[in-house]
Protein backbone atom coordinates (compact mmCIF):
# COMPACT_ATOMS: atom_id res chain seq x y z
CA MET A 1 54.82 73.33 34.37
CA PHE A 2 57.37 74.71 36.98
CA ASN A 3 55.97 78.28 36.92
CA TYR A 4 56.69 81.24 39.14
CA ASP A 5 54.31 79.98 41.91
CA TRP A 6 56.01 76.55 42.03
CA TRP A 7 59.32 78.18 42.82
CA HIS A 8 58.26 81.10 44.95
CA GLY A 9 55.24 79.58 46.50
CA ALA A 10 54.74 76.74 48.95
CA VAL A 11 55.25 73.88 46.52
CA ARG A 12 59.14 73.83 46.48
CA GLN A 13 59.21 74.29 50.23
CA ARG A 14 56.90 71.34 50.70
CA GLN A 15 59.18 69.19 48.53
CA MET A 16 62.20 70.35 50.54
CA ASP A 17 60.41 69.51 53.86
CA GLU A 18 59.51 66.02 52.47
CA ALA A 19 63.05 65.33 51.39
CA LYS A 20 64.25 66.32 54.86
CA LEU A 21 61.68 64.17 56.57
CA ARG A 22 62.41 61.08 54.38
CA CYS A 23 66.09 61.48 54.81
CA THR A 24 65.68 61.73 58.58
CA GLN A 25 63.39 58.65 58.53
CA ARG A 26 66.11 56.63 56.96
CA ALA A 27 68.36 57.23 59.93
CA PHE A 28 65.50 57.38 62.46
CA PRO A 29 62.54 55.25 61.34
CA GLU A 30 60.46 56.19 64.39
CA VAL A 31 60.30 59.89 63.29
CA ASP A 32 56.92 60.71 61.75
CA SER A 33 57.17 64.49 61.22
CA LEU A 34 59.64 67.36 61.18
CA ASP A 35 58.49 68.37 64.59
CA VAL A 36 61.19 66.67 66.64
CA PRO A 37 62.93 68.08 69.69
CA ALA A 38 66.00 70.15 68.52
CA ASP A 39 68.06 68.62 71.33
CA SER A 40 67.40 65.01 70.32
CA GLU A 41 69.64 62.92 68.15
CA ALA A 42 67.06 63.00 65.37
CA GLY A 43 66.64 66.78 65.81
CA GLN A 44 70.34 67.35 65.46
CA TYR A 45 70.53 65.10 62.39
CA LEU A 46 67.60 67.02 60.88
CA ALA A 47 69.18 70.35 61.55
CA GLU A 48 72.46 69.22 59.82
CA LEU A 49 70.76 68.14 56.58
CA GLU A 50 71.61 69.82 53.35
CA VAL A 51 68.86 70.27 50.83
CA HIS A 52 69.77 70.63 47.16
CA THR A 53 67.73 71.41 44.04
CA VAL A 54 68.79 70.31 40.56
CA ILE A 55 66.93 71.55 37.51
CA TYR A 56 67.08 69.84 34.06
CA LEU A 57 66.44 71.79 30.93
CA ARG A 58 65.02 70.80 27.58
CA ASP A 59 68.36 71.27 25.91
CA GLY A 60 70.00 68.68 28.13
CA PHE A 61 71.74 71.02 30.43
CA SER A 62 71.26 70.79 34.19
CA TYR A 63 72.08 73.08 37.07
CA GLU A 64 72.19 72.99 40.84
CA VAL A 65 70.23 75.94 42.16
CA GLY A 66 72.29 78.02 44.75
CA GLY A 67 69.68 80.45 45.54
CA LEU A 68 66.51 82.07 43.99
CA ILE A 69 66.52 85.67 42.93
CA ASP A 70 63.37 87.68 42.70
CA ALA A 71 63.97 89.75 39.55
CA GLY A 72 60.51 91.21 39.39
CA SER A 73 59.41 89.18 36.45
CA ARG A 74 57.17 86.07 36.53
CA SER A 75 58.03 84.85 33.04
CA TYR A 76 61.36 83.26 33.80
CA LEU A 77 63.32 81.77 36.71
CA VAL A 78 66.31 83.81 37.84
CA CYS A 79 68.70 82.01 40.19
CA GLU A 80 72.34 81.53 41.07
CA VAL A 81 73.61 78.28 39.69
CA LEU A 82 76.53 76.35 41.39
CA PRO A 83 79.41 75.13 39.29
CA VAL A 84 80.57 71.60 39.98
CA GLU A 85 84.15 72.35 38.77
CA GLU A 86 86.35 73.77 41.44
CA SER A 87 88.03 76.21 39.17
CA TRP A 88 84.69 77.97 38.63
CA GLN A 89 83.61 78.09 42.30
CA SER A 90 85.29 81.46 42.90
CA GLY A 91 82.67 83.25 40.79
CA ALA A 92 78.92 83.77 40.96
CA PHE A 93 76.80 82.66 38.03
CA ILE A 94 73.28 84.06 37.65
CA ALA A 95 70.98 82.33 35.14
CA SER A 96 67.70 83.44 33.65
CA LEU A 97 65.75 80.40 32.50
CA PRO A 98 62.30 80.46 30.81
CA PHE A 99 59.96 78.21 32.81
CA GLU A 100 58.87 76.25 29.83
CA GLU A 101 62.48 75.09 29.36
CA ILE A 102 62.46 73.38 32.71
CA VAL A 103 61.58 69.74 32.22
CA ARG A 104 62.41 68.18 35.59
CA VAL A 105 63.26 69.39 39.12
CA GLU A 106 64.92 67.16 41.76
CA VAL A 107 64.93 68.17 45.33
CA PHE A 108 67.06 65.96 47.71
CA ALA A 109 68.29 66.08 51.21
CA ILE A 110 71.51 64.55 52.45
CA HIS A 111 73.51 64.48 55.71
CA PRO A 112 77.00 65.93 55.25
CA VAL A 113 78.57 62.76 56.74
CA LYS A 114 76.82 60.57 54.23
CA LYS A 115 77.60 62.83 51.23
CA PRO A 116 79.47 61.05 48.42
CA ARG A 117 82.91 62.25 47.68
CA GLU A 118 82.30 62.42 43.93
CA THR A 119 79.88 65.05 42.83
CA PRO A 120 77.15 64.21 40.39
CA HIS A 121 77.76 65.07 36.71
CA ILE A 122 75.84 68.31 36.27
CA THR A 123 76.10 69.53 32.70
CA GLY A 124 75.44 73.26 33.17
CA PHE A 125 79.11 74.17 32.84
CA ARG A 126 80.30 72.30 29.85
CA THR A 127 83.20 73.91 28.01
CA ALA A 128 81.69 73.41 24.64
CA PRO A 129 78.57 71.83 23.22
CA GLU A 130 78.83 68.17 22.41
CA GLY A 131 79.32 67.56 18.74
CA PRO A 132 77.73 64.79 16.63
CA PRO A 133 78.44 61.24 17.63
CA ARG A 134 81.70 59.90 16.36
CA GLU A 135 81.50 56.95 14.06
């Protein structure tokens, strides 16, 4: 279960650190920890990494987490979710999600230079629910 402690404790941070380490190791196989000199090529690469978190819900929707919000309740996750569609990016979307609805979390790191031009299909901002399959 992705409970309050998973999000606001050390577990998510450990996964973010692990994603950064493994991403750095793909470019610099000799790196064995995040403790690299900041002025080295590997250190600069590491500093430039972006870390993203995508959550998948039981109803099939998924969201990229922009930032966590401490709303004072431990029964649900409150976070800013980032829209993929450019037309919605001028606003701010805050979601309150019951922890038991979160079925999977992906934490990944990527260097901006290696970022794909096409964004992943994140379904949290569909215009309407999908209807029954067409025959």
